[in-house]
Amino acid sequence: MNLAEPDGLLAIGGDLSPERLLFAYEQGIFPWYEGDYILWWSPDPRFVLVPGELKISKSMRTLLKKNTFDFTINKAFEKVIHECKNIKRPGQTGTWITDEVEMAYIRMHDLGYAISGETWKDGLLVGGAYGLKLGKIFFGESMFSKINNASKYAFIQLVQHLKQEGVELIDCQVYTEHLESLGAKMISRKEFTNTINELARPN
């Protein structure tokens, strides 16, 4: 892991086979496409969330209490990743979720590693999040929202669900103000990889 560049870039190339993905995540490495190339990253510091430290604002508590959205787990994984791939995001001209990435994580879902949380309104999918769960750690990958608070609602509910399943750490990979507001924080790469050694075990 100390071979990573200062920005966290570790390697270029390879494939997204289940075996390679599992090996990478167990080492604290995740893939990110740039153009036609798979880039493998291990940033330092690492952005993470401890489920017990999740911060829920008063406005979100109200939405949760009122059951503003319906929430499900793994009811629409393929739809969630497809929406994450195609949703337009401010300041972004493209997406790292290529067709190859989409199919790779669908395979991981079929194998029981990738899971999704979905928010619904009037029977329509309006938000969601997905990632990989290995043992007691969840590696968050992406989320989307079609209406206000739908992705945040999905993330909060998913974190609470994972906590009940014994998950002790959620990898958020890199900093976002949105996730910081929910309680995510920076830890060193060394601390992160040490934690993985303790928590990440294939299901």
N, C-alpha and C. Protein backbone atom coordinates (compact mmCIF):
# COMPACT_ATOMS: atom_id res chain seq x y z
N MET A 1 0.82 -1.21 0.00
CA MET A 1 0.00 0.00 0.00
C MET A 1 0.85 1.25 0.00
N ASN A 2 2.05 1.18 0.54
CA ASN A 2 2.94 2.34 0.56
C ASN A 2 3.46 2.68 -0.83
N LEU A 3 3.19 1.82 -1.82
CA LEU A 3 3.62 2.07 -3.18
C LEU A 3 2.69 3.04 -3.90
N ALA A 4 1.57 3.40 -3.29
CA ALA A 4 0.62 4.30 -3.92
C ALA A 4 1.24 5.68 -4.12
N GLU A 5 0.82 6.35 -5.22
CA GLU A 5 1.22 7.72 -5.47
C GLU A 5 0.63 8.63 -4.39
N PRO A 6 1.13 9.87 -4.26
CA PRO A 6 0.59 10.78 -3.24
C PRO A 6 -0.91 10.98 -3.35
N ASP A 7 -1.47 10.92 -4.57
CA ASP A 7 -2.92 11.09 -4.72
C ASP A 7 -3.70 9.80 -4.49
N GLY A 8 -2.99 8.71 -4.21
CA GLY A 8 -3.65 7.44 -3.92
C GLY A 8 -3.65 6.45 -5.06
N LEU A 9 -3.17 6.87 -6.25
CA LEU A 9 -3.15 5.96 -7.39
C LEU A 9 -2.12 4.85 -7.16
N LEU A 10 -2.56 3.61 -7.31
CA LEU A 10 -1.70 2.47 -7.01
C LEU A 10 -1.32 1.68 -8.26
N ALA A 11 -2.28 1.50 -9.18
CA ALA A 11 -2.01 0.68 -10.36
C ALA A 11 -2.99 1.04 -11.48
N ILE A 12 -2.63 0.63 -12.70
CA ILE A 12 -3.45 0.87 -13.88
C ILE A 12 -3.63 -0.45 -14.62
N GLY A 13 -4.86 -0.72 -15.06
CA GLY A 13 -5.10 -1.90 -15.88
C GLY A 13 -5.77 -3.03 -15.11
N GLY A 14 -5.67 -4.24 -15.65
CA GLY A 14 -6.31 -5.39 -15.02
C GLY A 14 -7.74 -5.55 -15.48
N ASP A 15 -8.53 -6.23 -14.67
CA ASP A 15 -9.92 -6.47 -15.02
C ASP A 15 -10.78 -6.33 -13.77
N LEU A 16 -12.07 -6.53 -13.94
CA LEU A 16 -13.02 -6.41 -12.83
C LEU A 16 -13.67 -7.75 -12.51
N SER A 17 -12.88 -8.80 -12.57
CA SER A 17 -13.38 -10.12 -12.19
C SER A 17 -13.70 -10.14 -10.71
N PRO A 18 -14.64 -10.98 -10.28
CA PRO A 18 -14.96 -11.06 -8.85
C PRO A 18 -13.73 -11.33 -7.99
N GLU A 19 -12.83 -12.19 -8.47
CA GLU A 19 -11.65 -12.54 -7.69
C GLU A 19 -10.75 -11.32 -7.50
N ARG A 20 -10.55 -10.55 -8.58
CA ARG A 20 -9.69 -9.38 -8.47
C ARG A 20 -10.33 -8.30 -7.60
N LEU A 21 -11.63 -8.12 -7.75
CA LEU A 21 -12.32 -7.12 -6.94
C LEU A 21 -12.26 -7.46 -5.45
N LEU A 22 -12.51 -8.71 -5.12
CA LEU A 22 -12.46 -9.12 -3.71
C LEU A 22 -11.06 -8.93 -3.15
N PHE A 23 -10.05 -9.33 -3.91
CA PHE A 23 -8.67 -9.18 -3.44
C PHE A 23 -8.36 -7.70 -3.22
N ALA A 24 -8.78 -6.85 -4.16
CA ALA A 24 -8.50 -5.42 -4.06
C ALA A 24 -9.16 -4.81 -2.82
N TYR A 25 -10.46 -5.07 -2.66
CA TYR A 25 -11.16 -4.47 -1.52
C TYR A 25 -10.61 -4.94 -0.19
N GLU A 26 -10.18 -6.20 -0.14
CA GLU A 26 -9.61 -6.72 1.10
C GLU A 26 -8.27 -6.06 1.43
N GLN A 27 -7.67 -5.40 0.43
CA GLN A 27 -6.42 -4.66 0.66
C GLN A 27 -6.68 -3.15 0.78
N GLY A 28 -7.93 -2.75 0.75
CA GLY A 28 -8.25 -1.33 0.84
C GLY A 28 -8.11 -0.59 -0.48
N ILE A 29 -8.21 -1.30 -1.59
CA ILE A 29 -8.03 -0.73 -2.92
C ILE A 29 -9.36 -0.78 -3.66
N PHE A 30 -9.69 0.29 -4.38
CA PHE A 30 -10.92 0.28 -5.16
C PHE A 30 -10.65 0.79 -6.58
N PRO A 31 -11.47 0.35 -7.57
CA PRO A 31 -11.25 0.76 -8.96
C PRO A 31 -12.01 2.04 -9.30
N TRP A 32 -11.45 2.76 -10.26
CA TRP A 32 -12.09 3.98 -10.76
C TRP A 32 -11.64 4.15 -12.20
N TYR A 33 -12.58 4.26 -13.09
CA TYR A 33 -12.24 4.41 -14.50
C TYR A 33 -11.85 5.83 -14.85
N GLU A 34 -10.86 5.96 -15.74
CA GLU A 34 -10.54 7.23 -16.36
C GLU A 34 -10.27 6.94 -17.83
N GLY A 35 -11.20 7.35 -18.69
CA GLY A 35 -11.10 6.98 -20.09
C GLY A 35 -11.31 5.48 -20.24
N ASP A 36 -10.39 4.83 -20.94
CA ASP A 36 -10.51 3.39 -21.20
C ASP A 36 -9.76 2.55 -20.17
N TYR A 37 -9.17 3.18 -19.19
CA TYR A 37 -8.30 2.46 -18.27
C TYR A 37 -8.91 2.34 -16.87
N ILE A 38 -8.70 1.16 -16.26
CA ILE A 38 -9.08 0.98 -14.87
C ILE A 38 -7.93 1.48 -14.00
N LEU A 39 -8.24 2.42 -13.13
CA LEU A 39 -7.24 2.91 -12.18
C LEU A 39 -7.58 2.36 -10.80
N TRP A 40 -6.58 1.90 -10.07
CA TRP A 40 -6.79 1.31 -8.75
C TRP A 40 -6.24 2.28 -7.70
N TRP A 41 -7.07 2.58 -6.70
CA TRP A 41 -6.77 3.64 -5.76
C TRP A 41 -6.74 3.16 -4.31
N SER A 42 -5.85 3.79 -3.55
CA SER A 42 -5.80 3.59 -2.11
C SER A 42 -5.41 4.92 -1.48
N PRO A 43 -6.37 5.85 -1.35
CA PRO A 43 -6.05 7.21 -0.89
C PRO A 43 -5.64 7.27 0.58
N ASP A 44 -4.86 8.28 0.89
CA ASP A 44 -4.42 8.53 2.26
C ASP A 44 -4.51 10.03 2.50
N PRO A 45 -5.38 10.48 3.41
CA PRO A 45 -6.20 9.67 4.32
C PRO A 45 -7.44 9.09 3.63
N ARG A 46 -8.17 8.28 4.37
CA ARG A 46 -9.38 7.62 3.87
C ARG A 46 -10.59 8.19 4.59
N PHE A 47 -11.67 8.36 3.85
CA PHE A 47 -12.90 8.94 4.39
C PHE A 47 -13.84 7.81 4.80
N VAL A 48 -14.21 7.74 6.08
CA VAL A 48 -14.99 6.62 6.58
C VAL A 48 -16.10 7.11 7.52
N LEU A 49 -17.05 6.22 7.76
CA LEU A 49 -18.11 6.50 8.72
C LEU A 49 -18.27 5.31 9.65
N VAL A 50 -18.24 5.58 10.94
CA VAL A 50 -18.56 4.56 11.94
C VAL A 50 -20.08 4.60 12.13
N PRO A 51 -20.80 3.50 11.89
CA PRO A 51 -22.27 3.54 11.95
C PRO A 51 -22.83 4.17 13.21
N GLY A 52 -22.18 3.92 14.35
CA GLY A 52 -22.66 4.49 15.60
C GLY A 52 -22.47 5.99 15.72
N GLU A 53 -21.69 6.57 14.78
CA GLU A 53 -21.45 8.01 14.79
C GLU A 53 -22.26 8.74 13.72
N LEU A 54 -23.22 8.04 13.11
CA LEU A 54 -24.07 8.64 12.09
C LEU A 54 -24.83 9.84 12.67
N LYS A 55 -24.76 10.97 11.98
CA LYS A 55 -25.46 12.18 12.39
C LYS A 55 -26.73 12.35 11.54
N ILE A 56 -27.86 12.49 12.21
CA ILE A 56 -29.12 12.66 11.51
C ILE A 56 -29.70 14.02 11.92
N SER A 57 -29.88 14.89 10.96
CA SER A 57 -30.39 16.23 11.24
C SER A 57 -31.85 16.16 11.68
N LYS A 58 -32.32 17.24 12.28
CA LYS A 58 -33.71 17.30 12.72
C LYS A 58 -34.67 17.14 11.56
N SER A 59 -34.33 17.76 10.44
CA SER A 59 -35.22 17.66 9.27
C SER A 59 -35.29 16.22 8.76
N MET A 60 -34.14 15.52 8.75
CA MET A 60 -34.16 14.12 8.30
C MET A 60 -34.86 13.23 9.31
N ARG A 61 -34.71 13.53 10.60
CA ARG A 61 -35.42 12.74 11.61
C ARG A 61 -36.93 12.85 11.40
N THR A 62 -37.37 14.03 11.02
CA THR A 62 -38.80 14.23 10.75
C THR A 62 -39.25 13.39 9.57
N LEU A 63 -38.44 13.38 8.50
CA LEU A 63 -38.78 12.57 7.33
C LEU A 63 -38.81 11.09 7.66
N LEU A 64 -37.85 10.64 8.47
CA LEU A 64 -37.80 9.24 8.87
C LEU A 64 -39.00 8.87 9.74
N LYS A 65 -39.34 9.76 10.65
CA LYS A 65 -40.46 9.51 11.56
C LYS A 65 -41.78 9.43 10.78
N LYS A 66 -41.89 10.25 9.74
CA LYS A 66 -43.12 10.28 8.94
C LYS A 66 -43.14 9.20 7.86
N ASN A 67 -42.02 8.43 7.76
CA ASN A 67 -41.92 7.43 6.69
C ASN A 67 -42.22 8.06 5.33
N THR A 68 -41.53 9.19 5.09
CA THR A 68 -41.76 9.95 3.86
C THR A 68 -41.53 9.11 2.62
N PHE A 69 -40.54 8.23 2.68
CA PHE A 69 -40.24 7.32 1.58
C PHE A 69 -40.41 5.88 2.06
N ASP A 70 -40.65 4.99 1.12
CA ASP A 70 -40.55 3.57 1.41
C ASP A 70 -39.09 3.17 1.20
N PHE A 71 -38.59 2.28 2.04
CA PHE A 71 -37.19 1.87 1.93
C PHE A 71 -37.10 0.36 1.82
N THR A 72 -36.25 -0.11 0.91
CA THR A 72 -36.04 -1.54 0.71
C THR A 72 -34.55 -1.84 0.57
N ILE A 73 -34.21 -3.10 0.79
CA ILE A 73 -32.85 -3.59 0.60
C ILE A 73 -32.86 -4.62 -0.53
N ASN A 74 -31.98 -4.42 -1.51
CA ASN A 74 -31.79 -5.38 -2.60
C ASN A 74 -33.04 -5.70 -3.40
N LYS A 75 -33.97 -4.78 -3.43
CA LYS A 75 -35.16 -5.00 -4.26
C LYS A 75 -34.91 -4.60 -5.70
N ALA A 76 -33.98 -3.66 -5.91
CA ALA A 76 -33.77 -3.14 -7.27
C ALA A 76 -32.31 -2.77 -7.48
N PHE A 77 -31.39 -3.71 -7.20
CA PHE A 77 -29.97 -3.42 -7.30
C PHE A 77 -29.59 -2.93 -8.70
N GLU A 78 -30.03 -3.64 -9.72
CA GLU A 78 -29.66 -3.27 -11.09
C GLU A 78 -30.17 -1.89 -11.46
N LYS A 79 -31.35 -1.55 -11.00
CA LYS A 79 -31.90 -0.22 -11.28
C LYS A 79 -31.10 0.85 -10.55
N VAL A 80 -30.69 0.56 -9.32
CA VAL A 80 -29.93 1.54 -8.54
C VAL A 80 -28.59 1.84 -9.22
N ILE A 81 -27.83 0.82 -9.59
CA ILE A 81 -26.53 1.08 -10.20
C ILE A 81 -26.70 1.75 -11.56
N HIS A 82 -27.77 1.41 -12.27
CA HIS A 82 -28.01 2.04 -13.57
C HIS A 82 -28.34 3.52 -13.39
N GLU A 83 -29.10 3.85 -12.37
CA GLU A 83 -29.42 5.25 -12.11
C GLU A 83 -28.17 6.01 -11.65
N CYS A 84 -27.34 5.37 -10.82
CA CYS A 84 -26.08 6.00 -10.40
C CYS A 84 -25.19 6.29 -11.60
N LYS A 85 -25.25 5.40 -12.57
CA LYS A 85 -24.44 5.55 -13.78
C LYS A 85 -24.93 6.71 -14.64
N ASN A 86 -26.23 6.90 -14.74
CA ASN A 86 -26.80 7.84 -15.70
C ASN A 86 -27.26 9.18 -15.13
N ILE A 87 -27.33 9.29 -13.80
CA ILE A 87 -27.83 10.53 -13.21
C ILE A 87 -26.86 11.67 -13.51
N LYS A 88 -27.38 12.82 -13.84
CA LYS A 88 -26.54 14.00 -14.09
C LYS A 88 -26.19 14.65 -12.76
N ARG A 89 -24.89 14.91 -12.58
CA ARG A 89 -24.41 15.49 -11.33
C ARG A 89 -23.77 16.84 -11.59
N PRO A 90 -24.05 17.82 -10.75
CA PRO A 90 -23.47 19.16 -10.92
C PRO A 90 -21.94 19.11 -10.95
N GLY A 91 -21.35 19.74 -11.95
CA GLY A 91 -19.91 19.81 -12.02
C GLY A 91 -19.24 18.60 -12.64
N GLN A 92 -20.02 17.58 -13.02
CA GLN A 92 -19.45 16.38 -13.63
C GLN A 92 -19.96 16.23 -15.06
N THR A 93 -19.04 15.91 -15.97
CA THR A 93 -19.40 15.75 -17.37
C THR A 93 -19.57 14.29 -17.76
N GLY A 94 -19.18 13.38 -16.87
CA GLY A 94 -19.30 11.96 -17.19
C GLY A 94 -19.44 11.15 -15.92
N THR A 95 -19.23 9.84 -16.05
CA THR A 95 -19.33 8.95 -14.90
C THR A 95 -18.23 7.91 -14.95
N TRP A 96 -17.79 7.48 -13.77
CA TRP A 96 -16.80 6.41 -13.72
C TRP A 96 -17.46 5.05 -13.88
N ILE A 97 -18.79 5.01 -13.79
CA ILE A 97 -19.51 3.74 -13.89
C ILE A 97 -19.74 3.42 -15.36
N THR A 98 -18.79 2.74 -15.95
CA THR A 98 -18.90 2.30 -17.34
C THR A 98 -19.81 1.08 -17.43
N ASP A 99 -20.07 0.65 -18.65
CA ASP A 99 -20.85 -0.57 -18.83
C ASP A 99 -20.16 -1.75 -18.14
N GLU A 100 -18.83 -1.78 -18.24
CA GLU A 100 -18.07 -2.88 -17.62
C GLU A 100 -18.21 -2.86 -16.10
N VAL A 101 -18.14 -1.66 -15.51
CA VAL A 101 -18.31 -1.53 -14.07
C VAL A 101 -19.71 -1.97 -13.66
N GLU A 102 -20.70 -1.52 -14.41
CA GLU A 102 -22.09 -1.88 -14.10
C GLU A 102 -22.27 -3.39 -14.08
N MET A 103 -21.77 -4.07 -15.08
CA MET A 103 -21.92 -5.52 -15.15
C MET A 103 -21.10 -6.22 -14.07
N ALA A 104 -19.93 -5.68 -13.75
CA ALA A 104 -19.07 -6.29 -12.73
C ALA A 104 -19.75 -6.28 -11.36
N TYR A 105 -20.38 -5.16 -11.01
CA TYR A 105 -21.01 -5.07 -9.69
C TYR A 105 -22.35 -5.81 -9.65
N ILE A 106 -22.98 -5.95 -10.79
CA ILE A 106 -24.17 -6.81 -10.84
C ILE A 106 -23.75 -8.26 -10.58
N ARG A 107 -22.60 -8.66 -11.12
CA ARG A 107 -22.08 -10.00 -10.83
C ARG A 107 -21.78 -10.13 -9.34
N MET A 108 -21.19 -9.10 -8.76
CA MET A 108 -20.90 -9.15 -7.32
C MET A 108 -22.19 -9.22 -6.50
N HIS A 109 -23.23 -8.59 -6.99
CA HIS A 109 -24.54 -8.68 -6.31
C HIS A 109 -25.08 -10.10 -6.40
N ASP A 110 -24.97 -10.70 -7.58
CA ASP A 110 -25.44 -12.07 -7.76
C ASP A 110 -24.69 -13.04 -6.85
N LEU A 111 -23.44 -12.71 -6.55
CA LEU A 111 -22.62 -13.56 -5.67
C LEU A 111 -22.85 -13.26 -4.19
N GLY A 112 -23.64 -12.23 -3.91
CA GLY A 112 -23.99 -11.93 -2.52
C GLY A 112 -23.13 -10.88 -1.84
N TYR A 113 -22.23 -10.24 -2.58
CA TYR A 113 -21.34 -9.25 -1.99
C TYR A 113 -21.86 -7.82 -2.11
N ALA A 114 -22.41 -7.47 -3.26
CA ALA A 114 -22.89 -6.10 -3.49
C ALA A 114 -24.34 -5.98 -3.07
N ILE A 115 -24.66 -4.92 -2.35
CA ILE A 115 -26.03 -4.72 -1.88
C ILE A 115 -26.46 -3.28 -2.16
N SER A 116 -27.75 -3.10 -2.20
CA SER A 116 -28.29 -1.77 -2.45
C SER A 116 -29.39 -1.44 -1.46
N GLY A 117 -29.55 -0.15 -1.23
CA GLY A 117 -30.69 0.35 -0.46
C GLY A 117 -31.47 1.28 -1.37
N GLU A 118 -32.79 1.17 -1.34
CA GLU A 118 -33.62 1.93 -2.28
C GLU A 118 -34.68 2.75 -1.56
N THR A 119 -34.91 3.96 -2.08
CA THR A 119 -36.03 4.76 -1.59
C THR A 119 -37.05 4.89 -2.71
N TRP A 120 -38.31 4.78 -2.31
CA TRP A 120 -39.42 4.79 -3.26
C TRP A 120 -40.45 5.83 -2.84
N LYS A 121 -41.08 6.43 -3.84
CA LYS A 121 -42.18 7.36 -3.59
C LYS A 121 -43.29 7.05 -4.58
N ASP A 122 -44.44 6.69 -4.02
CA ASP A 122 -45.59 6.34 -4.86
C ASP A 122 -45.24 5.25 -5.87
N GLY A 123 -44.45 4.28 -5.41
CA GLY A 123 -44.10 3.14 -6.24
C GLY A 123 -42.97 3.37 -7.22
N LEU A 124 -42.39 4.58 -7.24
CA LEU A 124 -41.30 4.90 -8.15
C LEU A 124 -39.98 4.96 -7.40
N LEU A 125 -38.92 4.44 -8.01
CA LEU A 125 -37.59 4.50 -7.43
C LEU A 125 -37.05 5.93 -7.56
N VAL A 126 -36.82 6.58 -6.44
CA VAL A 126 -36.40 7.99 -6.48
C VAL A 126 -35.02 8.23 -5.87
N GLY A 127 -34.43 7.21 -5.27
CA GLY A 127 -33.11 7.35 -4.69
C GLY A 127 -32.54 6.01 -4.29
N GLY A 128 -31.23 5.97 -4.11
CA GLY A 128 -30.63 4.70 -3.70
C GLY A 128 -29.13 4.80 -3.53
N ALA A 129 -28.55 3.76 -2.97
CA ALA A 129 -27.12 3.67 -2.75
C ALA A 129 -26.71 2.21 -2.86
N TYR A 130 -25.45 1.98 -3.25
CA TYR A 130 -24.98 0.59 -3.32
C TYR A 130 -23.50 0.52 -2.96
N GLY A 131 -23.06 -0.69 -2.65
CA GLY A 131 -21.67 -0.94 -2.32
C GLY A 131 -21.44 -2.40 -2.05
N LEU A 132 -20.25 -2.73 -1.55
CA LEU A 132 -19.88 -4.11 -1.25
C LEU A 132 -19.78 -4.32 0.25
N LYS A 133 -20.29 -5.43 0.71
CA LYS A 133 -20.18 -5.78 2.12
C LYS A 133 -19.29 -7.01 2.26
N LEU A 134 -18.19 -6.82 3.00
CA LEU A 134 -17.28 -7.92 3.30
C LEU A 134 -17.15 -8.02 4.81
N GLY A 135 -17.69 -9.06 5.37
CA GLY A 135 -17.63 -9.21 6.81
C GLY A 135 -18.32 -8.07 7.52
N LYS A 136 -17.55 -7.33 8.33
CA LYS A 136 -18.11 -6.25 9.14
C LYS A 136 -17.77 -4.87 8.59
N ILE A 137 -17.44 -4.81 7.29
CA ILE A 137 -17.15 -3.52 6.67
C ILE A 137 -17.94 -3.40 5.37
N PHE A 138 -18.45 -2.19 5.12
CA PHE A 138 -19.21 -1.92 3.91
C PHE A 138 -18.45 -0.86 3.11
N PHE A 139 -18.20 -1.17 1.84
CA PHE A 139 -17.50 -0.26 0.95
C PHE A 139 -18.53 0.45 0.08
N GLY A 140 -18.84 1.69 0.44
CA GLY A 140 -19.83 2.43 -0.32
C GLY A 140 -19.29 2.83 -1.68
N GLU A 141 -20.11 2.71 -2.71
CA GLU A 141 -19.66 3.01 -4.07
C GLU A 141 -20.32 4.25 -4.66
N SER A 142 -21.63 4.31 -4.66
CA SER A 142 -22.29 5.46 -5.27
C SER A 142 -23.72 5.54 -4.79
N MET A 143 -24.33 6.71 -4.98
CA MET A 143 -25.74 6.88 -4.68
C MET A 143 -26.34 7.92 -5.63
N PHE A 144 -27.64 7.93 -5.70
CA PHE A 144 -28.30 8.87 -6.60
C PHE A 144 -29.60 9.36 -5.96
N SER A 145 -30.08 10.47 -6.46
CA SER A 145 -31.33 11.03 -5.96
C SER A 145 -32.06 11.73 -7.10
N LYS A 146 -33.35 11.46 -7.22
CA LYS A 146 -34.16 12.14 -8.22
C LYS A 146 -35.00 13.26 -7.62
N ILE A 147 -35.21 13.20 -6.31
CA ILE A 147 -35.91 14.27 -5.62
C ILE A 147 -35.17 14.57 -4.32
N ASN A 148 -35.44 15.71 -3.74
CA ASN A 148 -34.72 16.14 -2.54
C ASN A 148 -34.75 15.09 -1.43
N ASN A 149 -33.58 14.84 -0.85
CA ASN A 149 -33.40 13.98 0.34
C ASN A 149 -33.55 12.49 0.08
N ALA A 150 -33.82 12.08 -1.16
CA ALA A 150 -34.03 10.65 -1.42
C ALA A 150 -32.77 9.82 -1.23
N SER A 151 -31.61 10.34 -1.67
CA SER A 151 -30.38 9.58 -1.49
C SER A 151 -29.93 9.60 -0.03
N LYS A 152 -30.10 10.74 0.62
CA LYS A 152 -29.73 10.84 2.03
C LYS A 152 -30.60 9.89 2.87
N TYR A 153 -31.87 9.82 2.54
CA TYR A 153 -32.80 8.92 3.23
C TYR A 153 -32.34 7.47 3.05
N ALA A 154 -31.98 7.13 1.79
CA ALA A 154 -31.52 5.76 1.51
C ALA A 154 -30.24 5.45 2.27
N PHE A 155 -29.31 6.42 2.30
CA PHE A 155 -28.03 6.19 2.97
C PHE A 155 -28.22 5.99 4.46
N ILE A 156 -29.02 6.85 5.08
CA ILE A 156 -29.26 6.73 6.52
C ILE A 156 -29.90 5.39 6.86
N GLN A 157 -30.90 5.02 6.11
CA GLN A 157 -31.58 3.74 6.37
C GLN A 157 -30.65 2.56 6.13
N LEU A 158 -29.82 2.68 5.08
CA LEU A 158 -28.87 1.60 4.79
C LEU A 158 -27.84 1.47 5.89
N VAL A 159 -27.33 2.59 6.38
CA VAL A 159 -26.35 2.56 7.48
C VAL A 159 -26.97 1.90 8.72
N GLN A 160 -28.20 2.25 9.04
CA GLN A 160 -28.86 1.67 10.20
C GLN A 160 -29.08 0.17 10.02
N HIS A 161 -29.42 -0.22 8.81
CA HIS A 161 -29.58 -1.65 8.50
C HIS A 161 -28.25 -2.39 8.66
N LEU A 162 -27.18 -1.81 8.12
CA LEU A 162 -25.86 -2.44 8.20
C LEU A 162 -25.39 -2.55 9.65
N LYS A 163 -25.68 -1.52 10.43
CA LYS A 163 -25.31 -1.54 11.84
C LYS A 163 -25.99 -2.72 12.55
N GLN A 164 -27.25 -2.95 12.25
CA GLN A 164 -27.98 -4.07 12.84
C GLN A 164 -27.38 -5.40 12.42
N GLU A 165 -26.74 -5.43 11.24
CA GLU A 165 -26.11 -6.65 10.75
C GLU A 165 -24.68 -6.82 11.26
N GLY A 166 -24.23 -5.89 12.11
CA GLY A 166 -22.91 -6.02 12.70
C GLY A 166 -21.80 -5.28 11.99
N VAL A 167 -22.13 -4.48 10.97
CA VAL A 167 -21.10 -3.72 10.27
C VAL A 167 -20.55 -2.64 11.20
N GLU A 168 -19.22 -2.54 11.27
CA GLU A 168 -18.56 -1.62 12.19
C GLU A 168 -17.91 -0.43 11.50
N LEU A 169 -17.76 -0.50 10.17
CA LEU A 169 -17.14 0.61 9.46
C LEU A 169 -17.68 0.68 8.04
N ILE A 170 -17.92 1.92 7.59
CA ILE A 170 -18.37 2.15 6.22
C ILE A 170 -17.31 2.99 5.52
N ASP A 171 -16.79 2.45 4.42
CA ASP A 171 -15.79 3.15 3.64
C ASP A 171 -16.48 4.11 2.67
N CYS A 172 -16.21 5.39 2.82
CA CYS A 172 -16.78 6.41 1.92
C CYS A 172 -15.75 6.84 0.88
N GLN A 173 -14.57 6.26 0.94
CA GLN A 173 -13.49 6.44 -0.01
C GLN A 173 -12.87 7.84 0.05
N VAL A 174 -13.51 8.84 -0.54
CA VAL A 174 -12.93 10.18 -0.59
C VAL A 174 -13.93 11.20 -0.05
N TYR A 175 -13.40 12.33 0.37
CA TYR A 175 -14.20 13.34 1.06
C TYR A 175 -15.31 13.93 0.21
N THR A 176 -16.49 14.07 0.83
CA THR A 176 -17.56 14.91 0.30
C THR A 176 -18.18 15.66 1.47
N GLU A 177 -18.59 16.87 1.23
CA GLU A 177 -19.21 17.67 2.27
C GLU A 177 -20.51 17.02 2.74
N HIS A 178 -21.23 16.42 1.78
CA HIS A 178 -22.50 15.76 2.07
C HIS A 178 -22.32 14.66 3.11
N LEU A 179 -21.32 13.79 2.91
CA LEU A 179 -21.10 12.69 3.85
C LEU A 179 -20.49 13.17 5.16
N GLU A 180 -19.71 14.23 5.10
CA GLU A 180 -19.17 14.79 6.35
C GLU A 180 -20.31 15.26 7.25
N SER A 181 -21.36 15.82 6.65
CA SER A 181 -22.50 16.28 7.44
C SER A 181 -23.22 15.13 8.11
N LEU A 182 -23.01 13.92 7.59
CA LEU A 182 -23.64 12.73 8.16
C LEU A 182 -22.74 12.01 9.16
N GLY A 183 -21.55 12.58 9.40
CA GLY A 183 -20.67 12.01 10.42
C GLY A 183 -19.42 11.34 9.92
N ALA A 184 -19.18 11.32 8.61
CA ALA A 184 -17.97 10.70 8.09
C ALA A 184 -16.74 11.52 8.47
N LYS A 185 -15.60 10.86 8.56
CA LYS A 185 -14.36 11.52 9.00
C LYS A 185 -13.16 10.89 8.30
N MET A 186 -12.04 11.57 8.37
CA MET A 186 -10.80 11.08 7.78
C MET A 186 -10.02 10.23 8.79
N ILE A 187 -9.46 9.13 8.30
CA ILE A 187 -8.49 8.37 9.09
C ILE A 187 -7.31 8.05 8.17
N SER A 188 -6.20 7.69 8.75
CA SER A 188 -5.02 7.39 7.94
C SER A 188 -5.21 6.09 7.17
N ARG A 189 -4.50 5.96 6.05
CA ARG A 189 -4.56 4.73 5.28
C ARG A 189 -4.09 3.54 6.12
N LYS A 190 -3.07 3.77 6.94
CA LYS A 190 -2.56 2.68 7.79
C LYS A 190 -3.64 2.19 8.74
N GLU A 191 -4.34 3.13 9.38
CA GLU A 191 -5.41 2.74 10.30
C GLU A 191 -6.52 2.01 9.54
N PHE A 192 -6.82 2.50 8.35
CA PHE A 192 -7.88 1.88 7.55
C PHE A 192 -7.52 0.44 7.16
N THR A 193 -6.31 0.24 6.66
CA THR A 193 -5.92 -1.11 6.25
C THR A 193 -5.81 -2.06 7.44
N ASN A 194 -5.37 -1.54 8.59
CA ASN A 194 -5.34 -2.37 9.79
C ASN A 194 -6.75 -2.79 10.19
N THR A 195 -7.70 -1.87 10.04
CA THR A 195 -9.09 -2.17 10.36
C THR A 195 -9.65 -3.21 9.41
N ILE A 196 -9.31 -3.11 8.14
CA ILE A 196 -9.76 -4.08 7.15
C ILE A 196 -9.28 -5.47 7.54
N ASN A 197 -8.04 -5.58 7.96
CA ASN A 197 -7.48 -6.88 8.34
C ASN A 197 -8.31 -7.53 9.45
N GLU A 198 -8.92 -6.70 10.28
CA GLU A 198 -9.72 -7.22 11.39
C GLU A 198 -11.17 -7.49 10.98
N LEU A 199 -11.72 -6.64 10.09
CA LEU A 199 -13.16 -6.68 9.84
C LEU A 199 -13.57 -7.33 8.52
N ALA A 200 -12.74 -7.23 7.50
CA ALA A 200 -13.17 -7.69 6.17
C ALA A 200 -12.89 -9.17 5.98
N ARG A 201 -13.94 -9.92 5.97
CA ARG A 201 -13.86 -11.33 5.66
C ARG A 201 -14.96 -11.66 4.67
N PRO A 202 -14.63 -12.39 3.60
CA PRO A 202 -15.66 -12.73 2.62
C PRO A 202 -16.85 -13.40 3.29
N ASN A 203 -18.07 -13.09 2.79
CA ASN A 203 -19.29 -13.66 3.36
C ASN A 203 -19.34 -15.18 3.16
